[in-house]
Amino acid sequence: MELQTLTAFFMWCTIVNGSILIVWTLIFLLAPDLVYRSQQAWIPLPRESFNVIMYCFIGLFKLLFLVFNAVPYLALLLIG
């Protein structure tokens, strides 16, 4: 596979996953009650547990985003 193809692939992966992370974080910060009520219909959890779980998921997603999208993209930019 060519370097330009890999760079383009990781660029779009970074854009898409970064957008998901930003939207997810903004929704959780701006409308936490809406998110909690919508999830409460499926899985009943206390509010404190729900907040901890959501922050952990956002943190895990951010970590995976950095390790598997942003860092390879930056490395390919430096190589190219």
PDB file of N, CA and C in Angstrom:
ATOM      1  N   MET A   1       0.837  -1.169   0.000  1.00  0.00           N
ATOM      2  CA  MET A   1       0.000   0.000   0.000  1.00  0.00           C
ATOM      3  C   MET A   1       0.890   1.242   0.000  1.00  0.00           C
ATOM      4  N   GLU A   2       0.471   2.229  -0.745  1.00  0.00           N
ATOM      5  CA  GLU A   2       1.267   3.444  -0.860  1.00  0.00           C
ATOM      6  C   GLU A   2       1.131   4.335   0.369  1.00  0.00           C
ATOM      7  N   LEU A   3       2.157   5.128   0.581  1.00  0.00           N
ATOM      8  CA  LEU A   3       2.187   6.029   1.733  1.00  0.00           C
ATOM      9  C   LEU A   3       1.064   7.066   1.659  1.00  0.00           C
ATOM     10  N   GLN A   4       0.774   7.562   0.461  1.00  0.00           N
ATOM     11  CA  GLN A   4      -0.293   8.555   0.307  1.00  0.00           C
ATOM     12  C   GLN A   4      -1.662   7.960   0.621  1.00  0.00           C
ATOM     13  N   THR A   5      -1.882   6.718   0.244  1.00  0.00           N
ATOM     14  CA  THR A   5      -3.153   6.055   0.525  1.00  0.00           C
ATOM     15  C   THR A   5      -3.330   5.852   2.015  1.00  0.00           C
ATOM     16  N   LEU A   6      -2.271   5.394   2.683  1.00  0.00           N
ATOM     17  CA  LEU A   6      -2.334   5.215   4.133  1.00  0.00           C
ATOM     18  C   LEU A   6      -2.551   6.541   4.855  1.00  0.00           C
ATOM     19  N   THR A   7      -1.879   7.579   4.401  1.00  0.00           N
ATOM     20  CA  THR A   7      -2.033   8.892   5.020  1.00  0.00           C
ATOM     21  C   THR A   7      -3.465   9.392   4.850  1.00  0.00           C
ATOM     22  N   ALA A   8      -4.026   9.228   3.670  1.00  0.00           N
ATOM     23  CA  ALA A   8      -5.412   9.649   3.436  1.00  0.00           C
ATOM     24  C   ALA A   8      -6.379   8.835   4.287  1.00  0.00           C
ATOM     25  N   PHE A   9      -6.133   7.541   4.400  1.00  0.00           N
ATOM     26  CA  PHE A   9      -6.988   6.680   5.224  1.00  0.00           C
ATOM     27  C   PHE A   9      -6.986   7.138   6.679  1.00  0.00           C
ATOM     28  N   PHE A  10      -5.802   7.339   7.240  1.00  0.00           N
ATOM     29  CA  PHE A  10      -5.721   7.751   8.638  1.00  0.00           C
ATOM     30  C   PHE A  10      -6.211   9.188   8.841  1.00  0.00           C
ATOM     31  N   MET A  11      -6.088  10.019   7.825  1.00  0.00           N
ATOM     32  CA  MET A  11      -6.628  11.363   7.933  1.00  0.00           C
ATOM     33  C   MET A  11      -8.149  11.306   8.092  1.00  0.00           C
ATOM     34  N   TRP A  12      -8.807  10.517   7.243  1.00  0.00           N
ATOM     35  CA  TRP A  12     -10.263  10.420   7.328  1.00  0.00           C
ATOM     36  C   TRP A  12     -10.715   9.685   8.584  1.00  0.00           C
ATOM     37  N   CYS A  13      -9.963   8.693   9.021  1.00  0.00           N
ATOM     38  CA  CYS A  13     -10.282   8.036  10.288  1.00  0.00           C
ATOM     39  C   CYS A  13     -10.197   9.019  11.445  1.00  0.00           C
ATOM     40  N   THR A  14      -9.169   9.866  11.427  1.00  0.00           N
ATOM     41  CA  THR A  14      -9.000  10.861  12.474  1.00  0.00           C
ATOM     42  C   THR A  14     -10.129  11.887  12.440  1.00  0.00           C
ATOM     43  N   ILE A  15     -10.514  12.322  11.265  1.00  0.00           N
ATOM     44  CA  ILE A  15     -11.596  13.300  11.149  1.00  0.00           C
ATOM     45  C   ILE A  15     -12.917  12.712  11.632  1.00  0.00           C
ATOM     46  N   VAL A  16     -13.249  11.516  11.179  1.00  0.00           N
ATOM     47  CA  VAL A  16     -14.526  10.899  11.548  1.00  0.00           C
ATOM     48  C   VAL A  16     -14.576  10.593  13.039  1.00  0.00           C
ATOM     49  N   ASN A  17     -13.554   9.938  13.549  1.00  0.00           N
ATOM     50  CA  ASN A  17     -13.565   9.574  14.967  1.00  0.00           C
ATOM     51  C   ASN A  17     -13.409  10.795  15.875  1.00  0.00           C
ATOM     52  N   GLY A  18     -12.665  11.791  15.453  1.00  0.00           N
ATOM     53  CA  GLY A  18     -12.572  13.033  16.219  1.00  0.00           C
ATOM     54  C   GLY A  18     -13.907  13.751  16.276  1.00  0.00           C
ATOM     55  N   SER A  19     -14.639  13.730  15.174  1.00  0.00           N
ATOM     56  CA  SER A  19     -15.978  14.327  15.148  1.00  0.00           C
ATOM     57  C   SER A  19     -16.929  13.589  16.078  1.00  0.00           C
ATOM     58  N   ILE A  20     -16.862  12.270  16.071  1.00  0.00           N
ATOM     59  CA  ILE A  20     -17.700  11.481  16.977  1.00  0.00           C
ATOM     60  C   ILE A  20     -17.373  11.815  18.423  1.00  0.00           C
ATOM     61  N   LEU A  21     -16.094  11.902  18.742  1.00  0.00           N
ATOM     62  CA  LEU A  21     -15.685  12.230  20.109  1.00  0.00           C
ATOM     63  C   LEU A  21     -16.170  13.618  20.525  1.00  0.00           C
ATOM     64  N   ILE A  22     -16.051  14.586  19.650  1.00  0.00           N
ATOM     65  CA  ILE A  22     -16.494  15.949  19.967  1.00  0.00           C
ATOM     66  C   ILE A  22     -18.006  16.002  20.151  1.00  0.00           C
ATOM     67  N   VAL A  23     -18.754  15.385  19.237  1.00  0.00           N
ATOM     68  CA  VAL A  23     -20.217  15.391  19.343  1.00  0.00           C
ATOM     69  C   VAL A  23     -20.668  14.676  20.607  1.00  0.00           C
ATOM     70  N   TRP A  24     -20.095  13.516  20.879  1.00  0.00           N
ATOM     71  CA  TRP A  24     -20.453  12.745  22.067  1.00  0.00           C
ATOM     72  C   TRP A  24     -20.193  13.551  23.340  1.00  0.00           C
ATOM     73  N   THR A  25     -19.033  14.195  23.411  1.00  0.00           N
ATOM     74  CA  THR A  25     -18.683  14.990  24.577  1.00  0.00           C
ATOM     75  C   THR A  25     -19.613  16.195  24.722  1.00  0.00           C
ATOM     76  N   LEU A  26     -19.893  16.878  23.620  1.00  0.00           N
ATOM     77  CA  LEU A  26     -20.779  18.036  23.679  1.00  0.00           C
ATOM     78  C   LEU A  26     -22.195  17.657  24.096  1.00  0.00           C
ATOM     79  N   ILE A  27     -22.696  16.559  23.556  1.00  0.00           N
ATOM     80  CA  ILE A  27     -24.039  16.117  23.942  1.00  0.00           C
ATOM     81  C   ILE A  27     -24.076  15.783  25.425  1.00  0.00           C
ATOM     82  N   PHE A  28     -23.055  15.107  25.898  1.00  0.00           N
ATOM     83  CA  PHE A  28     -23.042  14.736  27.311  1.00  0.00           C
ATOM     84  C   PHE A  28     -22.858  15.950  28.213  1.00  0.00           C
ATOM     85  N   LEU A  29     -22.111  16.962  27.755  1.00  0.00           N
ATOM     86  CA  LEU A  29     -21.916  18.156  28.570  1.00  0.00           C
ATOM     87  C   LEU A  29     -23.105  19.119  28.518  1.00  0.00           C
ATOM     88  N   LEU A  30     -23.741  19.229  27.346  1.00  0.00           N
ATOM     89  CA  LEU A  30     -24.814  20.205  27.185  1.00  0.00           C
ATOM     90  C   LEU A  30     -26.198  19.658  27.526  1.00  0.00           C
ATOM     91  N   ALA A  31     -26.399  18.362  27.393  1.00  0.00           N
ATOM     92  CA  ALA A  31     -27.721  17.781  27.666  1.00  0.00           C
ATOM     93  C   ALA A  31     -27.593  16.479  28.459  1.00  0.00           C
ATOM     94  N   PRO A  32     -26.989  16.531  29.643  1.00  0.00           N
ATOM     95  CA  PRO A  32     -26.791  15.286  30.394  1.00  0.00           C
ATOM     96  C   PRO A  32     -28.103  14.637  30.853  1.00  0.00           C
ATOM     97  N   ASP A  33     -29.112  15.453  31.143  1.00  0.00           N
ATOM     98  CA  ASP A  33     -30.390  14.880  31.576  1.00  0.00           C
ATOM     99  C   ASP A  33     -31.071  14.122  30.447  1.00  0.00           C
ATOM    100  N   LEU A  34     -30.988  14.656  29.242  1.00  0.00           N
ATOM    101  CA  LEU A  34     -31.569  13.979  28.082  1.00  0.00           C
ATOM    102  C   LEU A  34     -30.894  12.635  27.838  1.00  0.00           C
ATOM    103  N   VAL A  35     -29.584  12.615  27.923  1.00  0.00           N
ATOM    104  CA  VAL A  35     -28.839  11.366  27.719  1.00  0.00           C
ATOM    105  C   VAL A  35     -29.198  10.362  28.809  1.00  0.00           C
ATOM    106  N   TYR A  36     -29.252  10.838  30.040  1.00  0.00           N
ATOM    107  CA  TYR A  36     -29.569   9.943  31.165  1.00  0.00           C
ATOM    108  C   TYR A  36     -30.973   9.367  31.024  1.00  0.00           C
ATOM    109  N   ARG A  37     -31.950  10.211  30.698  1.00  0.00           N
ATOM    110  CA  ARG A  37     -33.329   9.724  30.565  1.00  0.00           C
ATOM    111  C   ARG A  37     -33.482   8.755  29.403  1.00  0.00           C
ATOM    112  N   SER A  38     -32.783   9.005  28.299  1.00  0.00           N
ATOM    113  CA  SER A  38     -32.905   8.103  27.153  1.00  0.00           C
ATOM    114  C   SER A  38     -32.273   6.742  27.444  1.00  0.00           C
ATOM    115  N   GLN A  39     -31.198   6.710  28.205  1.00  0.00           N
ATOM    116  CA  GLN A  39     -30.566   5.443  28.548  1.00  0.00           C
ATOM    117  C   GLN A  39     -31.273   4.734  29.695  1.00  0.00           C
ATOM    118  N   GLN A  40     -31.937   5.494  30.532  1.00  0.00           N
ATOM    119  CA  GLN A  40     -32.647   4.931  31.677  1.00  0.00           C
ATOM    120  C   GLN A  40     -33.758   3.981  31.225  1.00  0.00           C
ATOM    121  N   ALA A  41     -34.301   4.186  30.048  1.00  0.00           N
ATOM    122  CA  ALA A  41     -35.355   3.307  29.540  1.00  0.00           C
ATOM    123  C   ALA A  41     -34.840   1.889  29.312  1.00  0.00           C
ATOM    124  N   TRP A  42     -33.572   1.740  28.945  1.00  0.00           N
ATOM    125  CA  TRP A  42     -33.007   0.423  28.669  1.00  0.00           C
ATOM    126  C   TRP A  42     -32.301  -0.178  29.879  1.00  0.00           C
ATOM    127  N   ILE A  43     -31.486   0.619  30.528  1.00  0.00           N
ATOM    128  CA  ILE A  43     -30.681   0.116  31.646  1.00  0.00           C
ATOM    129  C   ILE A  43     -30.868   1.044  32.841  1.00  0.00           C
ATOM    130  N   PRO A  44     -31.613   0.613  33.838  1.00  0.00           N
ATOM    131  CA  PRO A  44     -31.791   1.474  35.006  1.00  0.00           C
ATOM    132  C   PRO A  44     -30.524   1.517  35.870  1.00  0.00           C
ATOM    133  N   LEU A  45     -29.954   2.698  35.997  1.00  0.00           N
ATOM    134  CA  LEU A  45     -28.750   2.921  36.800  1.00  0.00           C
ATOM    135  C   LEU A  45     -28.937   4.172  37.645  1.00  0.00           C
ATOM    136  N   PRO A  46     -28.315   4.219  38.807  1.00  0.00           N
ATOM    137  CA  PRO A  46     -28.305   5.488  39.543  1.00  0.00           C
ATOM    138  C   PRO A  46     -27.532   6.545  38.752  1.00  0.00           C
ATOM    139  N   ARG A  47     -27.889   7.797  38.939  1.00  0.00           N
ATOM    140  CA  ARG A  47     -27.286   8.892  38.181  1.00  0.00           C
ATOM    141  C   ARG A  47     -25.777   8.955  38.362  1.00  0.00           C
ATOM    142  N   GLU A  48     -25.286   8.745  39.567  1.00  0.00           N
ATOM    143  CA  GLU A  48     -23.848   8.823  39.831  1.00  0.00           C
ATOM    144  C   GLU A  48     -23.088   7.739  39.066  1.00  0.00           C
ATOM    145  N   SER A  49     -23.644   6.537  39.054  1.00  0.00           N
ATOM    146  CA  SER A  49     -23.003   5.432  38.311  1.00  0.00           C
ATOM    147  C   SER A  49     -23.006   5.718  36.817  1.00  0.00           C
ATOM    148  N   PHE A  50     -24.113   6.259  36.335  1.00  0.00           N
ATOM    149  CA  PHE A  50     -24.211   6.588  34.917  1.00  0.00           C
ATOM    150  C   PHE A  50     -23.155   7.616  34.521  1.00  0.00           C
ATOM    151  N   ASN A  51     -22.984   8.662  35.349  1.00  0.00           N
ATOM    152  CA  ASN A  51     -21.981   9.681  35.047  1.00  0.00           C
ATOM    153  C   ASN A  51     -20.575   9.094  35.007  1.00  0.00           C
ATOM    154  N   VAL A  52     -20.261   8.237  35.969  1.00  0.00           N
ATOM    155  CA  VAL A  52     -18.930   7.610  35.997  1.00  0.00           C
ATOM    156  C   VAL A  52     -18.719   6.747  34.765  1.00  0.00           C
ATOM    157  N   ILE A  53     -19.726   5.977  34.405  1.00  0.00           N
ATOM    158  CA  ILE A  53     -19.611   5.101  33.232  1.00  0.00           C
ATOM    159  C   ILE A  53     -19.423   5.926  31.961  1.00  0.00           C
ATOM    160  N   MET A  54     -20.197   6.996  31.818  1.00  0.00           N
ATOM    161  CA  MET A  54     -20.081   7.829  30.619  1.00  0.00           C
ATOM    162  C   MET A  54     -18.704   8.491  30.528  1.00  0.00           C
ATOM    163  N   TYR A  55     -18.210   9.026  31.640  1.00  0.00           N
ATOM    164  CA  TYR A  55     -16.883   9.643  31.627  1.00  0.00           C
ATOM    165  C   TYR A  55     -15.803   8.611  31.320  1.00  0.00           C
ATOM    166  N   CYS A  56     -15.960   7.406  31.827  1.00  0.00           N
ATOM    167  CA  CYS A  56     -14.983   6.346  31.522  1.00  0.00           C
ATOM    168  C   CYS A  56     -15.017   5.976  30.047  1.00  0.00           C
ATOM    169  N   PHE A  57     -16.226   5.862  29.476  1.00  0.00           N
ATOM    170  CA  PHE A  57     -16.333   5.538  28.052  1.00  0.00           C
ATOM    171  C   PHE A  57     -15.749   6.648  27.180  1.00  0.00           C
ATOM    172  N   ILE A  58     -16.024   7.893  27.530  1.00  0.00           N
ATOM    173  CA  ILE A  58     -15.462   9.010  26.759  1.00  0.00           C
ATOM    174  C   ILE A  58     -13.937   9.012  26.873  1.00  0.00           C
ATOM    175  N   GLY A  59     -13.425   8.762  28.065  1.00  0.00           N
ATOM    176  CA  GLY A  59     -11.976   8.706  28.252  1.00  0.00           C
ATOM    177  C   GLY A  59     -11.343   7.557  27.485  1.00  0.00           C
ATOM    178  N   LEU A  60     -11.980   6.393  27.503  1.00  0.00           N
ATOM    179  CA  LEU A  60     -11.471   5.244  26.755  1.00  0.00           C
ATOM    180  C   LEU A  60     -11.491   5.518  25.254  1.00  0.00           C
ATOM    181  N   PHE A  61     -12.601   6.095  24.778  1.00  0.00           N
ATOM    182  CA  PHE A  61     -12.690   6.417  23.357  1.00  0.00           C
ATOM    183  C   PHE A  61     -11.619   7.422  22.954  1.00  0.00           C
ATOM    184  N   LYS A  62     -11.371   8.427  23.818  1.00  0.00           N
ATOM    185  CA  LYS A  62     -10.344   9.420  23.525  1.00  0.00           C
ATOM    186  C   LYS A  62      -8.960   8.772  23.467  1.00  0.00           C
ATOM    187  N   LEU A  63      -8.691   7.877  24.399  1.00  0.00           N
ATOM    188  CA  LEU A  63      -7.411   7.184  24.409  1.00  0.00           C
ATOM    189  C   LEU A  63      -7.226   6.337  23.149  1.00  0.00           C
ATOM    190  N   LEU A  64      -8.261   5.570  22.792  1.00  0.00           N
ATOM    191  CA  LEU A  64      -8.191   4.745  21.582  1.00  0.00           C
ATOM    192  C   LEU A  64      -8.087   5.612  20.329  1.00  0.00           C
ATOM    193  N   PHE A  65      -8.793   6.730  20.315  1.00  0.00           N
ATOM    194  CA  PHE A  65      -8.712   7.664  19.193  1.00  0.00           C
ATOM    195  C   PHE A  65      -7.284   8.174  19.013  1.00  0.00           C
ATOM    196  N   LEU A  66      -6.660   8.572  20.100  1.00  0.00           N
ATOM    197  CA  LEU A  66      -5.291   9.091  20.002  1.00  0.00           C
ATOM    198  C   LEU A  66      -4.309   8.017  19.567  1.00  0.00           C
ATOM    199  N   VAL A  67      -4.420   6.829  20.160  1.00  0.00           N
ATOM    200  CA  VAL A  67      -3.443   5.772  19.883  1.00  0.00           C
ATOM    201  C   VAL A  67      -3.607   5.193  18.483  1.00  0.00           C
ATOM    202  N   PHE A  68      -4.855   4.980  18.050  1.00  0.00           N
ATOM    203  CA  PHE A  68      -5.062   4.271  16.787  1.00  0.00           C
ATOM    204  C   PHE A  68      -5.400   5.161  15.599  1.00  0.00           C
ATOM    205  N   ASN A  69      -5.643   6.444  15.808  1.00  0.00           N
ATOM    206  CA  ASN A  69      -5.961   7.334  14.691  1.00  0.00           C
ATOM    207  C   ASN A  69      -4.995   8.498  14.582  1.00  0.00           C
ATOM    208  N   ALA A  70      -4.916   9.306  15.625  1.00  0.00           N
ATOM    209  CA  ALA A  70      -4.140  10.545  15.546  1.00  0.00           C
ATOM    210  C   ALA A  70      -2.637  10.297  15.463  1.00  0.00           C
ATOM    211  N   VAL A  71      -2.122   9.410  16.304  1.00  0.00           N
ATOM    212  CA  VAL A  71      -0.672   9.159  16.304  1.00  0.00           C
ATOM    213  C   VAL A  71      -0.199   8.514  14.990  1.00  0.00           C
ATOM    214  N   PRO A  72      -0.887   7.480  14.465  1.00  0.00           N
ATOM    215  CA  PRO A  72      -0.440   6.961  13.156  1.00  0.00           C
ATOM    216  C   PRO A  72      -0.517   8.005  12.049  1.00  0.00           C
ATOM    217  N   TYR A  73      -1.552   8.845  12.076  1.00  0.00           N
ATOM    218  CA  TYR A  73      -1.656   9.885  11.064  1.00  0.00           C
ATOM    219  C   TYR A  73      -0.496  10.876  11.156  1.00  0.00           C
ATOM    220  N   LEU A  74      -0.183  11.312  12.367  1.00  0.00           N
ATOM    221  CA  LEU A  74       0.952  12.219  12.537  1.00  0.00           C
ATOM    222  C   LEU A  74       2.272  11.566  12.146  1.00  0.00           C
ATOM    223  N   ALA A  75       2.432  10.299  12.473  1.00  0.00           N
ATOM    224  CA  ALA A  75       3.653   9.583  12.084  1.00  0.00           C
ATOM    225  C   ALA A  75       3.777   9.497  10.572  1.00  0.00           C
ATOM    226  N   LEU A  76       2.678   9.222   9.889  1.00  0.00           N
ATOM    227  CA  LEU A  76       2.719   9.168   8.435  1.00  0.00           C
ATOM    228  C   LEU A  76       2.997  10.537   7.822  1.00  0.00           C
ATOM    229  N   LEU A  77       2.491  11.584   8.449  1.00  0.00           N
ATOM    230  CA  LEU A  77       2.806  12.929   7.969  1.00  0.00           C
ATOM    231  C   LEU A  77       4.290  13.230   8.123  1.00  0.00           C
ATOM    232  N   LEU A  78       4.883  12.800   9.241  1.00  0.00           N
ATOM    233  CA  LEU A  78       6.312  13.043   9.458  1.00  0.00           C
ATOM    234  C   LEU A  78       7.157  12.221   8.491  1.00  0.00           C
ATOM    235  N   ILE A  79       6.753  11.003   8.210  1.00  0.00           N
ATOM    236  CA  ILE A  79       7.502  10.158   7.263  1.00  0.00           C
ATOM    237  C   ILE A  79       7.436  10.739   5.861  1.00  0.00           C
ATOM    238  N   GLY A  80       6.230  11.174   5.477  1.00  0.00           N
ATOM    239  CA  GLY A  80       6.028  11.681   4.118  1.00  0.00           C
ATOM    240  C   GLY A  80       6.683  13.002   3.932  1.00  0.00           C
TER     241      GLY A  80
END
